[in-house]
Amino acid sequence: MPQPCEQSVVVHLGLPRTGTTTIQHILAEDPRIQFTSRRIFQLPELRAIYRDSSMDSRGTLVVSDETLLRQDGSYSKMAVTLWRIRSISQSAKLVLTIREQRDWLSSRYKYGVGTGTVSCSFEEWLKSRQGSDFVSLAHYGALCRTILAFFPRDQLVVLPFELLRDNYSEFFRQLYETLELEPIDLPPGVRRNQSMAPSLLHWKRRANRLSLFQHAPFSPRARRHSLQAAALTKLARIAHSVFGNHDSASSEEYIWPDTEYCSSLLEDFAISNLELERMMELGIINYGYAGSSADSMT
């Protein structure tokens, strides 16, 4: 087993679709930070940190990998990943970025449609293997309790995506406070890795049904999938230009479904959010997270 790392370590755990691309872009440009987005805490990449001569004891090591907590497609399960992080640095600080669950899951569903891996409805995706993985992570109270089984409360920082969206400077002030560094001069807030417009997604989801094959991440067929996804996107753009916009109908495809299954999920999220609020005192209810008195759990 590797010896514990002596330098300051901060691990950004994600979640995906919570501003991670923007965060990674800012941190990677800071010369005071040794930044990596490699999966160094999942075998065999864990050992690479000791073999890579560019990794030394200078500066703060920031690892940002939005897949660290994912179950599907990961080298290890969440508990093992957290254990490995602790084995490297017991004093590591963990940054978890979250997003209101309905908005977050809708964004991830749209991302799947946009990349050509999803052709089913929103609710069907929520019940799928991939969707269920994200639904599990969306129980933020349970997620933080799992993290706190490995690290003390003062080493976990939870930042809501909504703060990044509404107050860009304050979000990065809090992030850099965690890094124990003075904030850099930030470029103007720029949204990165945005979803397609709803009217184009309407046609893209239908075009995805013509997919000839699926692939696992990083599989030998990944390049063929990329070419296929590009072709399907082009087909969707042609259909969009020929048949026109469907903005109203398209937007409804990504609204949280009013079904018994989704209502039950919302009840779970409300309970979990209240638990998270008691643990972390984030004020997330003010951002519209389920759990407030205005958001009925019926």
C-alpha atoms as a PDB file:
ATOM      1  CA  MET A   1       0.000   0.000   0.000  1.00  0.00           C
ATOM      2  CA  PRO A   2       1.397   3.492  -0.816  1.00  0.00           C
ATOM      3  CA  GLN A   3       2.661   5.704   1.971  1.00  0.00           C
ATOM      4  CA  PRO A   4       0.366   8.579   2.980  1.00  0.00           C
ATOM      5  CA  CYS A   5       0.745  11.773   0.958  1.00  0.00           C
ATOM      6  CA  GLU A   6       2.276  14.664   2.911  1.00  0.00           C
ATOM      7  CA  GLN A   7       1.170  17.527   0.681  1.00  0.00           C
ATOM      8  CA  SER A   8      -2.158  19.302   1.026  1.00  0.00           C
ATOM      9  CA  VAL A   9      -4.814  17.272  -0.799  1.00  0.00           C
ATOM     10  CA  VAL A  10      -8.269  18.449  -1.884  1.00  0.00           C
ATOM     11  CA  VAL A  11     -10.589  16.045  -3.680  1.00  0.00           C
ATOM     12  CA  HIS A  12     -13.503  17.418  -5.690  1.00  0.00           C
ATOM     13  CA  LEU A  13     -15.936  14.514  -5.792  1.00  0.00           C
ATOM     14  CA  GLY A  14     -18.360  16.024  -8.283  1.00  0.00           C
ATOM     15  CA  LEU A  15     -21.259  15.441  -8.853  1.00  0.00           C
ATOM     16  CA  PRO A  16     -21.442  15.640 -12.660  1.00  0.00           C
ATOM     17  CA  ARG A  17     -23.641  18.408 -14.143  1.00  0.00           C
ATOM     18  CA  THR A  18     -23.036  20.647 -11.102  1.00  0.00           C
ATOM     19  CA  GLY A  19     -20.590  23.060 -12.719  1.00  0.00           C
ATOM     20  CA  THR A  20     -17.685  20.615 -12.640  1.00  0.00           C
ATOM     21  CA  THR A  21     -16.327  21.591 -16.066  1.00  0.00           C
ATOM     22  CA  THR A  22     -16.216  25.266 -15.068  1.00  0.00           C
ATOM     23  CA  ILE A  23     -14.556  24.418 -11.732  1.00  0.00           C
ATOM     24  CA  GLN A  24     -11.959  22.223 -13.422  1.00  0.00           C
ATOM     25  CA  HIS A  25     -11.191  24.933 -15.982  1.00  0.00           C
ATOM     26  CA  ILE A  26     -10.558  27.557 -13.274  1.00  0.00           C
ATOM     27  CA  LEU A  27      -8.431  25.291 -11.053  1.00  0.00           C
ATOM     28  CA  ALA A  28      -6.361  23.940 -13.940  1.00  0.00           C
ATOM     29  CA  GLU A  29      -5.339  27.517 -14.841  1.00  0.00           C
ATOM     30  CA  ASP A  30      -4.056  28.318 -11.320  1.00  0.00           C
ATOM     31  CA  PRO A  31      -0.249  27.850 -11.188  1.00  0.00           C
ATOM     32  CA  ARG A  32      -0.317  27.351  -7.408  1.00  0.00           C
ATOM     33  CA  ILE A  33      -2.313  24.162  -7.789  1.00  0.00           C
ATOM     34  CA  GLN A  34      -1.237  20.724  -8.957  1.00  0.00           C
ATOM     35  CA  PHE A  35      -4.432  19.780 -10.719  1.00  0.00           C
ATOM     36  CA  THR A  36      -5.466  16.438 -12.123  1.00  0.00           C
ATOM     37  CA  SER A  37      -8.758  14.955 -13.246  1.00  0.00           C
ATOM     38  CA  ARG A  38      -7.357  11.430 -13.572  1.00  0.00           C
ATOM     39  CA  ARG A  39      -8.965   8.571 -11.651  1.00  0.00           C
ATOM     40  CA  ILE A  40      -5.973   8.244  -9.340  1.00  0.00           C
ATOM     41  CA  PHE A  41      -8.084   6.899  -6.475  1.00  0.00           C
ATOM     42  CA  GLN A  42      -9.386   3.963  -8.497  1.00  0.00           C
ATOM     43  CA  LEU A  43      -7.111   1.070  -9.416  1.00  0.00           C
ATOM     44  CA  PRO A  44      -4.707   1.045 -11.170  1.00  0.00           C
ATOM     45  CA  GLU A  45      -4.431   4.835 -11.345  1.00  0.00           C
ATOM     46  CA  LEU A  46      -3.872   5.126  -7.586  1.00  0.00           C
ATOM     47  CA  ARG A  47      -0.257   4.021  -8.023  1.00  0.00           C
ATOM     48  CA  ALA A  48       0.357   6.505 -10.832  1.00  0.00           C
ATOM     49  CA  ILE A  49       0.560   9.420  -8.414  1.00  0.00           C
ATOM     50  CA  TYR A  50       3.772   7.914  -7.037  1.00  0.00           C
ATOM     51  CA  ARG A  51       5.240   6.990 -10.420  1.00  0.00           C
ATOM     52  CA  ASP A  52       4.555  10.334 -12.064  1.00  0.00           C
ATOM     53  CA  SER A  53       7.566  12.578 -11.577  1.00  0.00           C
ATOM     54  CA  SER A  54       5.410  15.667 -12.072  1.00  0.00           C
ATOM     55  CA  MET A  55       3.664  14.935  -8.776  1.00  0.00           C
ATOM     56  CA  ASP A  56       5.853  16.241  -5.958  1.00  0.00           C
ATOM     57  CA  SER A  57       5.303  17.783  -2.546  1.00  0.00           C
ATOM     58  CA  ARG A  58       4.988  21.391  -3.749  1.00  0.00           C
ATOM     59  CA  GLY A  59       1.660  23.197  -3.750  1.00  0.00           C
ATOM     60  CA  THR A  60      -1.839  21.891  -3.201  1.00  0.00           C
ATOM     61  CA  LEU A  61      -2.833  18.734  -5.012  1.00  0.00           C
ATOM     62  CA  VAL A  62      -6.407  19.020  -6.297  1.00  0.00           C
ATOM     63  CA  VAL A  63      -8.066  15.952  -7.745  1.00  0.00           C
ATOM     64  CA  SER A  64     -11.337  16.665  -9.529  1.00  0.00           C
ATOM     65  CA  ASP A  65     -13.170  13.676 -10.929  1.00  0.00           C
ATOM     66  CA  GLU A  66     -16.940  13.786 -11.196  1.00  0.00           C
ATOM     67  CA  THR A  67     -17.112   9.995 -11.561  1.00  0.00           C
ATOM     68  CA  LEU A  68     -15.544   9.181  -8.176  1.00  0.00           C
ATOM     69  CA  LEU A  69     -18.885   8.517  -6.482  1.00  0.00           C
ATOM     70  CA  ARG A  70     -20.507   6.784  -9.444  1.00  0.00           C
ATOM     71  CA  GLN A  71     -21.242   3.067  -9.194  1.00  0.00           C
ATOM     72  CA  ASP A  72     -21.807   2.327 -12.866  1.00  0.00           C
ATOM     73  CA  GLY A  73     -18.608   2.017 -14.897  1.00  0.00           C
ATOM     74  CA  SER A  74     -16.244   2.723 -11.981  1.00  0.00           C
ATOM     75  CA  TYR A  75     -13.269   0.598 -11.037  1.00  0.00           C
ATOM     76  CA  SER A  76     -14.411   0.568  -7.421  1.00  0.00           C
ATOM     77  CA  LYS A  77     -17.530   1.234  -5.402  1.00  0.00           C
ATOM     78  CA  MET A  78     -17.963   4.477  -3.488  1.00  0.00           C
ATOM     79  CA  ALA A  79     -16.961   3.123  -0.073  1.00  0.00           C
ATOM     80  CA  VAL A  80     -13.737   1.641  -1.433  1.00  0.00           C
ATOM     81  CA  THR A  81     -12.914   4.879  -3.264  1.00  0.00           C
ATOM     82  CA  LEU A  82     -13.396   6.900  -0.067  1.00  0.00           C
ATOM     83  CA  TRP A  83     -11.244   4.399   1.823  1.00  0.00           C
ATOM     84  CA  ARG A  84      -8.480   4.793  -0.768  1.00  0.00           C
ATOM     85  CA  ILE A  85      -8.606   8.582  -0.487  1.00  0.00           C
ATOM     86  CA  ARG A  86      -8.225   8.292   3.283  1.00  0.00           C
ATOM     87  CA  SER A  87      -5.325   5.858   2.877  1.00  0.00           C
ATOM     88  CA  ILE A  88      -3.487   8.476   0.815  1.00  0.00           C
ATOM     89  CA  SER A  89      -4.312  11.470   3.018  1.00  0.00           C
ATOM     90  CA  GLN A  90      -6.277  11.294   6.243  1.00  0.00           C
ATOM     91  CA  SER A  91      -6.316  15.103   6.294  1.00  0.00           C
ATOM     92  CA  ALA A  92      -7.694  15.432   2.743  1.00  0.00           C
ATOM     93  CA  LYS A  93     -10.483  17.947   2.284  1.00  0.00           C
ATOM     94  CA  LEU A  94     -13.446  16.822   0.225  1.00  0.00           C
ATOM     95  CA  VAL A  95     -15.558  19.153  -1.916  1.00  0.00           C
ATOM     96  CA  LEU A  96     -18.998  17.937  -2.995  1.00  0.00           C
ATOM     97  CA  THR A  97     -21.001  20.019  -5.457  1.00  0.00           C
ATOM     98  CA  ILE A  98     -24.740  19.342  -5.572  1.00  0.00           C
ATOM     99  CA  ARG A  99     -27.762  20.584  -7.512  1.00  0.00           C
ATOM    100  CA  GLU A 100     -31.503  20.572  -6.833  1.00  0.00           C
ATOM    101  CA  GLN A 101     -32.448  16.981  -7.589  1.00  0.00           C
ATOM    102  CA  ARG A 102     -35.172  17.443 -10.176  1.00  0.00           C
ATOM    103  CA  ASP A 103     -33.114  19.982 -12.089  1.00  0.00           C
ATOM    104  CA  TRP A 104     -29.965  17.860 -11.737  1.00  0.00           C
ATOM    105  CA  LEU A 105     -31.520  14.615 -12.956  1.00  0.00           C
ATOM    106  CA  SER A 106     -33.204  16.413 -15.855  1.00  0.00           C
ATOM    107  CA  SER A 107     -29.850  17.952 -16.829  1.00  0.00           C
ATOM    108  CA  ARG A 108     -28.115  14.569 -16.734  1.00  0.00           C
ATOM    109  CA  TYR A 109     -30.908  13.008 -18.787  1.00  0.00           C
ATOM    110  CA  LYS A 110     -30.568  15.764 -21.400  1.00  0.00           C
ATOM    111  CA  TYR A 111     -26.821  15.224 -21.444  1.00  0.00           C
ATOM    112  CA  GLY A 112     -27.393  11.532 -22.211  1.00  0.00           C
ATOM    113  CA  VAL A 113     -29.762  12.422 -25.021  1.00  0.00           C
ATOM    114  CA  GLY A 114     -27.276  14.939 -26.385  1.00  0.00           C
ATOM    115  CA  THR A 115     -24.385  12.450 -26.393  1.00  0.00           C
ATOM    116  CA  GLY A 116     -26.493   9.805 -28.103  1.00  0.00           C
ATOM    117  CA  THR A 117     -26.653   7.266 -25.256  1.00  0.00           C
ATOM    118  CA  VAL A 118     -30.307   7.816 -24.272  1.00  0.00           C
ATOM    119  CA  SER A 119     -33.433   7.469 -26.391  1.00  0.00           C
ATOM    120  CA  CYS A 120     -36.071   6.603 -23.772  1.00  0.00           C
ATOM    121  CA  SER A 121     -38.380   8.949 -21.862  1.00  0.00           C
ATOM    122  CA  PHE A 122     -37.242  10.827 -18.739  1.00  0.00           C
ATOM    123  CA  GLU A 123     -39.092   8.507 -16.337  1.00  0.00           C
ATOM    124  CA  GLU A 124     -37.881   5.396 -18.164  1.00  0.00           C
ATOM    125  CA  TRP A 125     -34.339   6.708 -17.803  1.00  0.00           C
ATOM    126  CA  LEU A 126     -34.858   7.343 -14.071  1.00  0.00           C
ATOM    127  CA  LYS A 127     -35.763   3.655 -13.700  1.00  0.00           C
ATOM    128  CA  SER A 128     -32.863   2.427 -15.837  1.00  0.00           C
ATOM    129  CA  ARG A 129     -29.578   1.132 -14.458  1.00  0.00           C
ATOM    130  CA  GLN A 130     -27.797   4.400 -15.208  1.00  0.00           C
ATOM    131  CA  GLY A 131     -30.655   6.581 -14.003  1.00  0.00           C
ATOM    132  CA  SER A 132     -30.997   4.581 -10.779  1.00  0.00           C
ATOM    133  CA  ASP A 133     -27.318   5.208 -10.080  1.00  0.00           C
ATOM    134  CA  PHE A 134     -27.887   8.956 -10.279  1.00  0.00           C
ATOM    135  CA  VAL A 135     -31.121   8.746  -8.277  1.00  0.00           C
ATOM    136  CA  SER A 136     -29.183   7.033  -5.483  1.00  0.00           C
ATOM    137  CA  LEU A 137     -26.573   9.798  -5.458  1.00  0.00           C
ATOM    138  CA  ALA A 138     -29.365  12.390  -5.363  1.00  0.00           C
ATOM    139  CA  HIS A 139     -30.150  11.343  -1.774  1.00  0.00           C
ATOM    140  CA  TYR A 140     -27.683  13.949  -0.551  1.00  0.00           C
ATOM    141  CA  GLY A 141     -28.229  13.336   3.165  1.00  0.00           C
ATOM    142  CA  ALA A 142     -27.380   9.649   2.802  1.00  0.00           C
ATOM    143  CA  LEU A 143     -24.478  10.512   0.489  1.00  0.00           C
ATOM    144  CA  CYS A 144     -22.916  12.870   3.034  1.00  0.00           C
ATOM    145  CA  ARG A 145     -23.418  10.374   5.860  1.00  0.00           C
ATOM    146  CA  THR A 146     -21.421   7.844   3.833  1.00  0.00           C
ATOM    147  CA  ILE A 147     -18.603  10.347   3.270  1.00  0.00           C
ATOM    148  CA  LEU A 148     -18.602  11.288   6.961  1.00  0.00           C
ATOM    149  CA  ALA A 149     -18.082   7.628   7.872  1.00  0.00           C
ATOM    150  CA  PHE A 150     -14.546   8.083   6.495  1.00  0.00           C
ATOM    151  CA  PHE A 151     -13.782  11.761   7.159  1.00  0.00           C
ATOM    152  CA  PRO A 152     -14.664  14.221   9.940  1.00  0.00           C
ATOM    153  CA  ARG A 153     -17.270  16.906   9.383  1.00  0.00           C
ATOM    154  CA  ASP A 154     -14.744  19.762   9.159  1.00  0.00           C
ATOM    155  CA  GLN A 155     -13.056  18.121   6.152  1.00  0.00           C
ATOM    156  CA  LEU A 156     -16.211  18.015   4.022  1.00  0.00           C
ATOM    157  CA  VAL A 157     -17.427  21.106   2.137  1.00  0.00           C
ATOM    158  CA  VAL A 158     -20.722  21.009   0.222  1.00  0.00           C
ATOM    159  CA  LEU A 159     -21.288  23.728  -2.387  1.00  0.00           C
ATOM    160  CA  PRO A 160     -24.600  24.086  -4.243  1.00  0.00           C
ATOM    161  CA  PHE A 161     -24.556  24.565  -7.996  1.00  0.00           C
ATOM    162  CA  GLU A 162     -27.140  27.305  -7.536  1.00  0.00           C
ATOM    163  CA  LEU A 163     -24.539  29.451  -5.744  1.00  0.00           C
ATOM    164  CA  LEU A 164     -22.227  29.116  -8.758  1.00  0.00           C
ATOM    165  CA  ARG A 165     -25.117  30.035 -11.038  1.00  0.00           C
ATOM    166  CA  ASP A 166     -26.311  33.033  -9.004  1.00  0.00           C
ATOM    167  CA  ASN A 167     -23.108  34.318  -7.378  1.00  0.00           C
ATOM    168  CA  TYR A 168     -20.064  33.200  -9.333  1.00  0.00           C
ATOM    169  CA  SER A 169     -17.529  35.158  -7.247  1.00  0.00           C
ATOM    170  CA  GLU A 170     -18.896  33.988  -3.895  1.00  0.00           C
ATOM    171  CA  PHE A 171     -18.851  30.362  -5.013  1.00  0.00           C
ATOM    172  CA  PHE A 172     -15.154  30.537  -5.894  1.00  0.00           C
ATOM    173  CA  ARG A 173     -14.375  32.543  -2.752  1.00  0.00           C
ATOM    174  CA  GLN A 174     -15.733  29.649  -0.687  1.00  0.00           C
ATOM    175  CA  LEU A 175     -13.939  27.093  -2.845  1.00  0.00           C
ATOM    176  CA  TYR A 176     -10.594  28.879  -2.516  1.00  0.00           C
ATOM    177  CA  GLU A 177     -11.146  29.228   1.215  1.00  0.00           C
ATOM    178  CA  THR A 178     -11.262  25.436   1.305  1.00  0.00           C
ATOM    179  CA  LEU A 179      -8.009  25.347  -0.689  1.00  0.00           C
ATOM    180  CA  GLU A 180      -6.511  27.831   1.810  1.00  0.00           C
ATOM    181  CA  LEU A 181      -5.497  30.074  -1.086  1.00  0.00           C
ATOM    182  CA  GLU A 182      -6.339  33.608  -2.096  1.00  0.00           C
ATOM    183  CA  PRO A 183      -8.774  33.586  -5.033  1.00  0.00           C
ATOM    184  CA  ILE A 184      -7.323  34.370  -8.432  1.00  0.00           C
ATOM    185  CA  ASP A 185      -8.757  37.059 -10.691  1.00  0.00           C
ATOM    186  CA  LEU A 186     -11.672  35.177 -12.138  1.00  0.00           C
ATOM    187  CA  PRO A 187     -12.638  35.439 -15.789  1.00  0.00           C
ATOM    188  CA  PRO A 188     -16.254  36.427 -16.475  1.00  0.00           C
ATOM    189  CA  GLY A 189     -18.670  33.657 -15.591  1.00  0.00           C
ATOM    190  CA  VAL A 190     -19.028  31.346 -18.555  1.00  0.00           C
ATOM    191  CA  ARG A 191     -21.369  28.364 -18.768  1.00  0.00           C
ATOM    192  CA  ARG A 192     -19.495  25.355 -20.080  1.00  0.00           C
ATOM    193  CA  ASN A 193     -20.711  21.972 -21.299  1.00  0.00           C
ATOM    194  CA  GLN A 194     -24.249  23.250 -21.811  1.00  0.00           C
ATOM    195  CA  SER A 195     -27.117  21.037 -22.902  1.00  0.00           C
ATOM    196  CA  MET A 196     -28.639  21.275 -26.369  1.00  0.00           C
ATOM    197  CA  ALA A 197     -31.673  23.477 -26.857  1.00  0.00           C
ATOM    198  CA  PRO A 198     -34.914  21.610 -25.968  1.00  0.00           C
ATOM    199  CA  SER A 199     -36.248  21.790 -29.535  1.00  0.00           C
ATOM    200  CA  LEU A 200     -33.089  20.132 -30.876  1.00  0.00           C
ATOM    201  CA  LEU A 201     -33.086  17.545 -28.083  1.00  0.00           C
ATOM    202  CA  HIS A 202     -36.635  16.649 -29.159  1.00  0.00           C
ATOM    203  CA  TRP A 203     -35.260  15.425 -32.491  1.00  0.00           C
ATOM    204  CA  LYS A 204     -32.001  14.088 -31.071  1.00  0.00           C
ATOM    205  CA  ARG A 205     -33.824  11.672 -28.762  1.00  0.00           C
ATOM    206  CA  ARG A 206     -35.745  10.319 -31.718  1.00  0.00           C
ATOM    207  CA  ALA A 207     -32.624  10.071 -33.840  1.00  0.00           C
ATOM    208  CA  ASN A 208     -30.909   8.114 -31.053  1.00  0.00           C
ATOM    209  CA  ARG A 209     -33.396   5.292 -31.620  1.00  0.00           C
ATOM    210  CA  LEU A 210     -31.524   4.609 -34.852  1.00  0.00           C
ATOM    211  CA  SER A 211     -28.356   3.804 -32.878  1.00  0.00           C
ATOM    212  CA  LEU A 212     -26.738   0.635 -34.195  1.00  0.00           C
ATOM    213  CA  PHE A 213     -24.796  -0.176 -31.050  1.00  0.00           C
ATOM    214  CA  GLN A 214     -24.099   0.941 -27.503  1.00  0.00           C
ATOM    215  CA  HIS A 215     -20.756   0.856 -25.738  1.00  0.00           C
ATOM    216  CA  ALA A 216     -19.235   0.868 -22.297  1.00  0.00           C
ATOM    217  CA  PRO A 217     -17.147   3.937 -21.419  1.00  0.00           C
ATOM    218  CA  PHE A 218     -13.589   3.732 -22.757  1.00  0.00           C
ATOM    219  CA  SER A 219     -14.388   0.571 -24.724  1.00  0.00           C
ATOM    220  CA  PRO A 220     -12.658  -0.171 -28.061  1.00  0.00           C
ATOM    221  CA  ARG A 221     -15.911   0.828 -29.751  1.00  0.00           C
ATOM    222  CA  ALA A 222     -15.869   4.315 -28.229  1.00  0.00           C
ATOM    223  CA  ARG A 223     -14.580   5.976 -31.413  1.00  0.00           C
ATOM    224  CA  ARG A 224     -17.270   4.293 -33.521  1.00  0.00           C
ATOM    225  CA  HIS A 225     -19.861   5.471 -31.007  1.00  0.00           C
ATOM    226  CA  SER A 226     -18.490   9.009 -31.235  1.00  0.00           C
ATOM    227  CA  LEU A 227     -18.817   8.976 -35.033  1.00  0.00           C
ATOM    228  CA  GLN A 228     -22.307   7.534 -34.772  1.00  0.00           C
ATOM    229  CA  ALA A 229     -23.338  10.169 -32.210  1.00  0.00           C
ATOM    230  CA  ALA A 230     -22.071  12.928 -34.500  1.00  0.00           C
ATOM    231  CA  ALA A 231     -24.062  11.474 -37.411  1.00  0.00           C
ATOM    232  CA  LEU A 232     -27.232  11.241 -35.311  1.00  0.00           C
ATOM    233  CA  THR A 233     -26.767  14.827 -34.131  1.00  0.00           C
ATOM    234  CA  LYS A 234     -26.498  15.957 -37.734  1.00  0.00           C
ATOM    235  CA  LEU A 235     -29.652  14.009 -38.564  1.00  0.00           C
ATOM    236  CA  ALA A 236     -31.440  15.673 -35.645  1.00  0.00           C
ATOM    237  CA  ARG A 237     -30.350  19.116 -36.853  1.00  0.00           C
ATOM    238  CA  ILE A 238     -31.704  18.340 -40.324  1.00  0.00           C
ATOM    239  CA  ALA A 239     -35.055  17.224 -38.862  1.00  0.00           C
ATOM    240  CA  HIS A 240     -35.102  20.330 -36.679  1.00  0.00           C
ATOM    241  CA  SER A 241     -34.545  22.607 -39.665  1.00  0.00           C
ATOM    242  CA  VAL A 242     -37.095  20.800 -41.853  1.00  0.00           C
ATOM    243  CA  PHE A 243     -39.912  20.228 -39.364  1.00  0.00           C
ATOM    244  CA  GLY A 244     -39.325  23.262 -37.159  1.00  0.00           C
ATOM    245  CA  ASN A 245     -39.319  23.928 -33.403  1.00  0.00           C
ATOM    246  CA  HIS A 246     -41.269  22.004 -30.815  1.00  0.00           C
ATOM    247  CA  ASP A 247     -40.221  24.158 -27.871  1.00  0.00           C
ATOM    248  CA  SER A 248     -43.372  23.718 -25.791  1.00  0.00           C
ATOM    249  CA  ALA A 249     -43.641  19.954 -26.259  1.00  0.00           C
ATOM    250  CA  SER A 250     -39.864  19.560 -26.008  1.00  0.00           C
ATOM    251  CA  SER A 251     -39.627  21.359 -22.680  1.00  0.00           C
ATOM    252  CA  GLU A 252     -42.359  19.152 -21.223  1.00  0.00           C
ATOM    253  CA  GLU A 253     -40.233  16.078 -21.984  1.00  0.00           C
ATOM    254  CA  TYR A 254     -37.760  17.152 -19.286  1.00  0.00           C
ATOM    255  CA  ILE A 255     -40.128  18.373 -16.586  1.00  0.00           C
ATOM    256  CA  TRP A 256     -40.291  16.215 -13.444  1.00  0.00           C
ATOM    257  CA  PRO A 257     -43.076  13.697 -14.183  1.00  0.00           C
ATOM    258  CA  ASP A 258     -46.245  13.893 -12.105  1.00  0.00           C
ATOM    259  CA  THR A 259     -46.429  10.152 -11.465  1.00  0.00           C
ATOM    260  CA  GLU A 260     -46.602   7.992  -8.350  1.00  0.00           C
ATOM    261  CA  TYR A 261     -43.008   6.817  -8.827  1.00  0.00           C
ATOM    262  CA  CYS A 262     -41.584  10.330  -9.159  1.00  0.00           C
ATOM    263  CA  SER A 263     -43.718  11.644  -6.294  1.00  0.00           C
ATOM    264  CA  SER A 264     -42.267   8.923  -4.077  1.00  0.00           C
ATOM    265  CA  LEU A 265     -38.755   9.920  -5.137  1.00  0.00           C
ATOM    266  CA  LEU A 266     -39.534  13.523  -4.290  1.00  0.00           C
ATOM    267  CA  GLU A 267     -40.616  12.493  -0.790  1.00  0.00           C
ATOM    268  CA  ASP A 268     -37.287  10.689  -0.364  1.00  0.00           C
ATOM    269  CA  PHE A 269     -35.377  13.733  -1.586  1.00  0.00           C
ATOM    270  CA  ALA A 270     -37.255  16.024   0.808  1.00  0.00           C
ATOM    271  CA  ILE A 271     -36.381  13.852   3.805  1.00  0.00           C
ATOM    272  CA  SER A 272     -32.781  13.508   2.666  1.00  0.00           C
ATOM    273  CA  ASN A 273     -32.434  17.268   2.072  1.00  0.00           C
ATOM    274  CA  LEU A 274     -33.673  18.067   5.560  1.00  0.00           C
ATOM    275  CA  GLU A 275     -31.144  15.603   6.954  1.00  0.00           C
ATOM    276  CA  LEU A 276     -28.394  17.249   4.884  1.00  0.00           C
ATOM    277  CA  GLU A 277     -29.475  20.676   6.121  1.00  0.00           C
ATOM    278  CA  ARG A 278     -29.220  19.532   9.738  1.00  0.00           C
ATOM    279  CA  MET A 279     -25.706  18.177   9.115  1.00  0.00           C
ATOM    280  CA  MET A 280     -24.242  20.956   6.960  1.00  0.00           C
ATOM    281  CA  GLU A 281     -26.436  24.076   7.448  1.00  0.00           C
ATOM    282  CA  LEU A 282     -26.296  25.046   3.772  1.00  0.00           C
ATOM    283  CA  GLY A 283     -29.567  26.902   3.314  1.00  0.00           C
ATOM    284  CA  ILE A 284     -30.356  24.754   0.266  1.00  0.00           C
ATOM    285  CA  ILE A 285     -34.095  24.960   0.921  1.00  0.00           C
ATOM    286  CA  ASN A 286     -33.853  28.613  -0.136  1.00  0.00           C
ATOM    287  CA  TYR A 287     -32.745  27.410  -3.566  1.00  0.00           C
ATOM    288  CA  GLY A 288     -35.948  25.409  -4.066  1.00  0.00           C
ATOM    289  CA  TYR A 289     -34.705  22.001  -2.940  1.00  0.00           C
ATOM    290  CA  ALA A 290     -37.515  19.680  -1.863  1.00  0.00           C
ATOM    291  CA  GLY A 291     -38.100  19.791   1.871  1.00  0.00           C
ATOM    292  CA  SER A 292     -39.347  23.333   2.375  1.00  0.00           C
ATOM    293  CA  SER A 293     -42.835  24.018   3.660  1.00  0.00           C
ATOM    294  CA  ALA A 294     -43.689  25.431   0.235  1.00  0.00           C
ATOM    295  CA  ASP A 295     -42.734  22.144  -1.447  1.00  0.00           C
ATOM    296  CA  SER A 296     -45.380  19.679  -0.293  1.00  0.00           C
ATOM    297  CA  MET A 297     -44.312  16.088   0.116  1.00  0.00           C
ATOM    298  CA  THR A 298     -47.665  14.742  -0.982  1.00  0.00           C
END
